[in-house]
Every structure is written in structure tokens, then in C-alpha cells.
C-alpha atoms as a PDB file:
ATOM      1  CA  ASP A   1       3.658-169.639 127.039  1.00  0.00           C
ATOM      2  CA  GLY A   2       3.006-166.488 129.564  1.00  0.00           C
ATOM      3  CA  LYS A   3       5.630-164.497 127.414  1.00  0.00           C
ATOM      4  CA  PRO A   4       4.565-160.356 127.523  1.00  0.00           C
ATOM      5  CA  ILE A   5       3.671-159.084 124.038  1.00  0.00           C
ATOM      6  CA  LEU A   6       6.083-156.052 122.934  1.00  0.00           C
ATOM      7  CA  ARG A   7       4.411-153.217 121.013  1.00  0.00           C
ATOM      8  CA  SER A   8       6.438-151.883 118.129  1.00  0.00           C
ATOM      9  CA  ASP A   9       6.912-148.587 120.002  1.00  0.00           C
ATOM     10  CA  GLU A  10       8.370-150.567 122.763  1.00  0.00           C
ATOM     11  CA  ILE A  11      10.802-152.838 121.167  1.00  0.00           C
ATOM     12  CA  LEU A  12      11.845-149.205 119.338  1.00  0.00           C
ATOM     13  CA  ALA A  13      12.423-147.506 122.519  1.00  0.00           C
ATOM     14  CA  ARG A  14      14.884-150.403 123.932  1.00  0.00           C
ATOM     15  CA  GLN A  15      16.813-150.366 120.738  1.00  0.00           C
ATOM     16  CA  VAL A  16      17.623-146.778 120.715  1.00  0.00           C
ATOM     17  CA  GLY A  17      17.409-146.424 124.510  1.00  0.00           C
ATOM     18  CA  GLU A  18      14.790-143.842 124.786  1.00  0.00           C
ATOM     19  CA  SER A  19      11.636-144.522 126.763  1.00  0.00           C
ATOM     20  CA  ARG A  20       8.009-144.665 125.009  1.00  0.00           C
ATOM     21  CA  ASN A  21       7.203-141.240 126.016  1.00  0.00           C
ATOM     22  CA  GLN A  22      10.374-140.080 124.624  1.00  0.00           C
ATOM     23  CA  ILE A  23       9.867-141.827 121.403  1.00  0.00           C
ATOM     24  CA  ALA A  24       6.494-140.340 121.084  1.00  0.00           C
ATOM     25  CA  ARG A  25       7.707-136.868 121.618  1.00  0.00           C
ATOM     26  CA  TYR A  26       9.949-137.534 118.499  1.00  0.00           C
ATOM     27  CA  ILE A  27       6.995-138.351 116.530  1.00  0.00           C
ATOM     28  CA  ARG A  28       5.511-135.185 117.689  1.00  0.00           C
ATOM     29  CA  LEU A  29       7.997-133.611 115.898  1.00  0.00           C
ATOM     30  CA  THR A  30       6.827-134.468 112.548  1.00  0.00           C
ATOM     31  CA  ASN A  31       3.981-132.204 112.914  1.00  0.00           C
ATOM     32  CA  LEU A  32       6.088-129.348 112.909  1.00  0.00           C
ATOM     33  CA  ILE A  33       6.548-127.344 110.055  1.00  0.00           C
ATOM     34  CA  PRO A  34       9.943-127.050 108.267  1.00  0.00           C
ATOM     35  CA  LYS A  35      11.386-123.716 109.546  1.00  0.00           C
ATOM     36  CA  ILE A  36      10.534-124.211 113.009  1.00  0.00           C
ATOM     37  CA  LEU A  37      11.984-127.820 112.736  1.00  0.00           C
ATOM     38  CA  ASP A  38      15.109-125.869 111.558  1.00  0.00           C
ATOM     39  CA  MET A  39      14.980-123.891 114.324  1.00  0.00           C
ATOM     40  CA  ILE A  40      15.516-127.119 116.623  1.00  0.00           C
ATOM     41  CA  ASP A  41      18.275-128.305 114.817  1.00  0.00           C
ATOM     42  CA  GLU A  42      19.786-124.463 114.867  1.00  0.00           C
ATOM     43  CA  GLY A  43      19.506-124.875 118.827  1.00  0.00           C
ATOM     44  CA  LYS A  44      17.214-121.707 118.907  1.00  0.00           C
ATOM     45  CA  ILE A  45      14.220-123.702 120.354  1.00  0.00           C
ATOM     46  CA  ALA A  46      14.491-126.091 122.744  1.00  0.00           C
ATOM     47  CA  PHE A  47      12.983-129.938 122.189  1.00  0.00           C
ATOM     48  CA  THR A  48      10.599-129.620 124.874  1.00  0.00           C
ATOM     49  CA  ILE A  49       9.131-126.075 123.583  1.00  0.00           C
ATOM     50  CA  ALA A  50       9.042-127.807 119.909  1.00  0.00           C
ATOM     51  CA  VAL A  51       6.859-130.627 121.134  1.00  0.00           C
ATOM     52  CA  GLU A  52       4.376-128.097 122.560  1.00  0.00           C
ATOM     53  CA  LEU A  53       4.368-126.066 119.340  1.00  0.00           C
ATOM     54  CA  SER A  54       3.457-129.492 117.504  1.00  0.00           C
ATOM     55  CA  TYR A  55       0.089-129.501 118.673  1.00  0.00           C
ATOM     56  CA  LEU A  56      -0.545-126.220 116.714  1.00  0.00           C
ATOM     57  CA  LYS A  57      -2.144-126.245 113.434  1.00  0.00           C
ATOM     58  CA  GLU A  58      -0.001-125.504 110.489  1.00  0.00           C
ATOM     59  CA  GLU A  59      -1.453-122.036 109.914  1.00  0.00           C
ATOM     60  CA  GLU A  60      -0.545-121.110 113.263  1.00  0.00           C
ATOM     61  CA  GLN A  61       2.792-122.626 113.509  1.00  0.00           C
ATOM     62  CA  TYR A  62       3.389-120.434 109.936  1.00  0.00           C
ATOM     63  CA  GLU A  63       1.767-117.249 111.925  1.00  0.00           C
ATOM     64  CA  LEU A  64       4.063-118.203 115.021  1.00  0.00           C
ATOM     65  CA  HIS A  65       7.179-118.637 112.587  1.00  0.00           C
ATOM     66  CA  ALA A  66       6.504-115.315 110.984  1.00  0.00           C
ATOM     67  CA  VAL A  67       6.219-113.336 114.858  1.00  0.00           C
ATOM     68  CA  MET A  68       9.188-115.197 115.773  1.00  0.00           C
ATOM     69  CA  ASP A  69      11.197-113.825 112.905  1.00  0.00           C
ATOM     70  CA  LEU A  70      10.032-110.626 113.122  1.00  0.00           C
ATOM     71  CA  GLU A  71      10.446-110.198 116.765  1.00  0.00           C
ATOM     72  CA  GLN A  72      13.664-112.115 117.331  1.00  0.00           C
ATOM     73  CA  CYS A  73      12.365-114.161 120.011  1.00  0.00           C
ATOM     74  CA  THR A  74      10.851-117.505 120.733  1.00  0.00           C
ATOM     75  CA  PRO A  75       8.490-118.531 123.635  1.00  0.00           C
ATOM     76  CA  SER A  76       9.076-119.853 126.576  1.00  0.00           C
ATOM     77  CA  LEU A  77       7.708-123.333 128.220  1.00  0.00           C
ATOM     78  CA  SER A  78       4.747-122.029 129.716  1.00  0.00           C
ATOM     79  CA  GLN A  79       4.176-119.526 126.659  1.00  0.00           C
ATOM     80  CA  ALA A  80       4.222-122.325 124.487  1.00  0.00           C
ATOM     81  CA  ASN A  81       2.023-124.355 126.486  1.00  0.00           C
ATOM     82  CA  ARG A  82      -0.085-121.530 126.761  1.00  0.00           C
ATOM     83  CA  MET A  83      -0.476-121.416 122.760  1.00  0.00           C
ATOM     84  CA  LYS A  84      -1.368-125.062 122.970  1.00  0.00           C
ATOM     85  CA  ARG A  85      -3.939-124.612 124.988  1.00  0.00           C
ATOM     86  CA  MET A  86      -5.381-121.561 123.092  1.00  0.00           C
ATOM     87  CA  SER A  87      -4.769-123.735 119.737  1.00  0.00           C
ATOM     88  CA  GLN A  88      -7.156-126.389 121.142  1.00  0.00           C
ATOM     89  CA  SER A  89      -9.737-124.248 122.007  1.00  0.00           C
ATOM     90  CA  GLY A  90      -9.811-121.680 119.104  1.00  0.00           C
ATOM     91  CA  LYS A  91      -8.494-118.716 120.066  1.00  0.00           C
ATOM     92  CA  LEU A  92      -5.044-118.842 118.986  1.00  0.00           C
ATOM     93  CA  ASP A  93      -4.649-116.031 115.849  1.00  0.00           C
ATOM     94  CA  MET A  94      -1.799-113.550 115.008  1.00  0.00           C
ATOM     95  CA  ASP A  95      -2.949-110.975 117.821  1.00  0.00           C
ATOM     96  CA  ALA A  96      -2.914-113.675 120.333  1.00  0.00           C
ATOM     97  CA  ILE A  97       0.745-115.188 119.392  1.00  0.00           C
ATOM     98  CA  TYR A  98       1.762-111.605 119.931  1.00  0.00           C
ATOM     99  CA  SER A  99       0.504-110.755 122.875  1.00  0.00           C
ATOM    100  CA  VAL A 100       1.889-114.169 124.344  1.00  0.00           C
ATOM    101  CA  LEU A 101       5.216-113.568 122.808  1.00  0.00           C
ATOM    102  CA  GLU A 102       5.322-110.001 124.086  1.00  0.00           C
ATOM    103  CA  GLU A 103       5.555-110.896 127.776  1.00  0.00           C
ATOM    104  CA  GLU A 104       8.710-110.294 129.356  1.00  0.00           C
ATOM    105  CA  LYS A 105      10.597-113.604 130.360  1.00  0.00           C
ATOM    106  CA  PRO A 106      12.390-113.752 133.617  1.00  0.00           C
ATOM    107  CA  ASN A 107      15.334-114.758 131.376  1.00  0.00           C
ATOM    108  CA  GLN A 108      15.148-112.373 128.831  1.00  0.00           C
ATOM    109  CA  ARG A 109      15.634-108.855 130.468  1.00  0.00           C
ATOM    110  CA  GLU A 110      16.573-106.255 127.852  1.00  0.00           C
ATOM    111  CA  GLN A 111      20.267-107.374 126.789  1.00  0.00           C
ATOM    112  CA  ILE A 112      22.921-105.196 125.125  1.00  0.00           C
ATOM    113  CA  LYS A 113      24.575-107.058 122.278  1.00  0.00           C
ATOM    114  CA  ILE A 114      28.190-106.226 121.161  1.00  0.00           C
ATOM    115  CA  ARG A 115      29.555-107.838 118.362  1.00  0.00           C
ATOM    116  CA  ALA A 116      33.084-109.370 119.969  1.00  0.00           C
ATOM    117  CA  ASP A 117      35.195-108.473 116.835  1.00  0.00           C
ATOM    118  CA  THR A 118      34.006-104.354 117.101  1.00  0.00           C
ATOM    119  CA  LEU A 119      35.861-103.891 120.472  1.00  0.00           C
ATOM    120  CA  ALA A 120      39.091-107.079 120.297  1.00  0.00           C
ATOM    121  CA  GLY A 121      41.538-104.749 119.605  1.00  0.00           C
ATOM    122  CA  TYR A 122      40.967-102.879 123.201  1.00  0.00           C
ATOM    123  CA  PHE A 123      41.147-105.763 125.167  1.00  0.00           C
ATOM    124  CA  PRO A 124      44.435-108.321 126.117  1.00  0.00           C
ATOM    125  CA  ASP A 125      44.465-111.434 123.860  1.00  0.00           C
ATOM    126  CA  ASP A 126      43.878-113.609 126.848  1.00  0.00           C
ATOM    127  CA  PHE A 127      41.288-111.935 128.401  1.00  0.00           C
ATOM    128  CA  THR A 128      38.060-114.521 128.694  1.00  0.00           C
ATOM    129  CA  PRO A 129      34.376-112.662 127.935  1.00  0.00           C
ATOM    130  CA  LYS A 130      33.393-112.697 131.701  1.00  0.00           C
ATOM    131  CA  GLN A 131      36.551-110.531 131.790  1.00  0.00           C
ATOM    132  CA  LYS A 132      35.683-108.332 129.026  1.00  0.00           C
ATOM    133  CA  VAL A 133      32.292-107.480 130.460  1.00  0.00           C
ATOM    134  CA  GLU A 134      33.233-106.959 133.886  1.00  0.00           C
ATOM    135  CA  LEU A 135      35.957-104.411 132.560  1.00  0.00           C
ATOM    136  CA  ILE A 136      33.135-102.872 130.538  1.00  0.00           C
ATOM    137  CA  GLU A 137      31.121-102.635 133.500  1.00  0.00           C
ATOM    138  CA  LYS A 138      33.653-100.908 135.352  1.00  0.00           C
ATOM    139  CA  LEU A 139      34.178 -98.507 132.851  1.00  0.00           C
ATOM    140  CA  VAL A 140      30.656 -97.292 132.444  1.00  0.00           C
ATOM    141  CA  LYS A 141      30.090 -97.545 136.030  1.00  0.00           C
ATOM    142  CA  GLU A 142      33.344 -94.933 136.220  1.00  0.00           C
ATOM    143  CA  TRP A 143      32.416 -92.616 133.590  1.00  0.00           C
ATOM    144  CA  TYR A 144      28.597 -92.799 135.133  1.00  0.00           C
ATOM    145  CA  GLU A 145      29.952 -91.324 138.218  1.00  0.00           C
ATOM    146  CA  LYS A 146      32.044 -89.069 136.476  1.00  0.00           C
ATOM    147  CA  GLN A 147      29.363 -87.158 134.528  1.00  0.00           C
ATOM    148  CA  THR A 148      27.000 -87.355 138.226  1.00  0.00           C
ATOM    149  CA  SER A 149      30.427 -85.329 139.550  1.00  0.00           C
ATOM    150  CA  VAL A 150      30.578 -83.000 136.647  1.00  0.00           C
ATOM    151  CA  LYS A 151      27.357 -82.137 137.066  1.00  0.00           C
ATOM    152  CA  GLU A 152      27.204 -81.592 140.687  1.00  0.00           C
ATOM    153  CA  ARG A 153      30.190 -79.406 139.943  1.00  0.00           C
ATOM    154  CA  LYS A 154      28.044 -77.109 137.637  1.00  0.00           C
ATOM    155  CA  ARG A 155      25.495 -76.610 139.916  1.00  0.00           C
END
């Protein structure tokens, strides 16, 4: 009768409004260990990165999770892709995971975190987080300049 034959994944893709490739990516996630799946749910790892990590062997995923937990970091997409390739060539071990994750990512310059509640009493109630950061930067700069001028006078 000339009608194209639809595969089950095409039917599913149409029903949920996703592409076949996207459905395949969702299915890939079933290869992840529960601890890494939880990180996706918690928003700690992006979907695209998780798909790359799903190609790692189960043991490698447990090692990766241990390193991420210890170092409080997650891989970028390019790092995840590199670990996937290392895994496929049998070169991904704990040392390799460490060395990949230790690289500084452009969006992960060292940051200082201050719990908002420790400083809450010092700001007006209507201050936005941006205003708070700007004020802290301004005050630290003023403090630094004062320290520098004190040192100059002592010379």
C-alpha cells in the first residue's frame, strides 16, 4: 500500500515530541549507576554530560563518582567526552580520572563561597544577591587600598 513502516522508536519519538536521537540519549542513561543518575536529578550534572558518562564501564563510573564526591567537582562536556574515549581504549583508571578532573575549566575559576545567612544581618532586606556581591567587592577594595596606604606611610 506504499505507506512507510514506522519503527517503534519513531512512534515513541512522535508521541513524546522528541527526536529519535533524543530518545536514544534517554535510553543511554539507563547505563548509568544510580549515584550518577541522582546527580542528574539534582541538577549537578547536565543531561549531555551524563550521556557521555553512560559509555563508561560500571566500575569506572563508581570510581568517577568517588572522585567527584571527594573533589566536589563534575566534568565538563569535553572532559566527559575525553574520559569516554579513554574508557573505550582501556586507559581510564582512577589516576586518569583525577588528571582529567583536575584541569581548570574556564567557567570554574576559584570561587569563595559565603553562606548568605552569615552576612544577612549586615545588608538591607531589599538587597539583591548582585548588590551584596558588589558591596562586598567595594569594601574589600577599600580595605586593600587602606592597607596599602598604611604600609606606604610606615616606610
